[in-house]
Amino acid sequence: MRPWGVHVAKDEDISELVEDLLEGIAGRMEDVAHEAGVSYSALYSWATGRRRPGRRNLERLATLADERANHLVRLADRLREQVDEERRGRE
């Protein structure tokens, strides 16, 4: 049983949605570097302003940002579906 009597929707486990949300928003720098196809040290140096990424690496970061944004939009839709399902269950 979940703590505090939390209702879990049938179709999808809310904890999975929250986990996806946290990963989509933040993510560890190591994971972001890996997904973008760059080294951790390069990403760190760009983040701290020590170096500037070249055009190709900027494109990689932009592509990753697009992918994450699309993932978050899909996740938001799934979360809204859960809200609607909860609302229908109470009516």
Foldseek 3Di string as FASTA:
>chain_A
DDPPPDDADDPDGVVVLVVLVVCLPDNDLCVLCVQLVHHSVVSVCCVVVVDPDDPSSVVSNVVSNVVSVVSVVVSVVVVVVVVVVVVVVVD
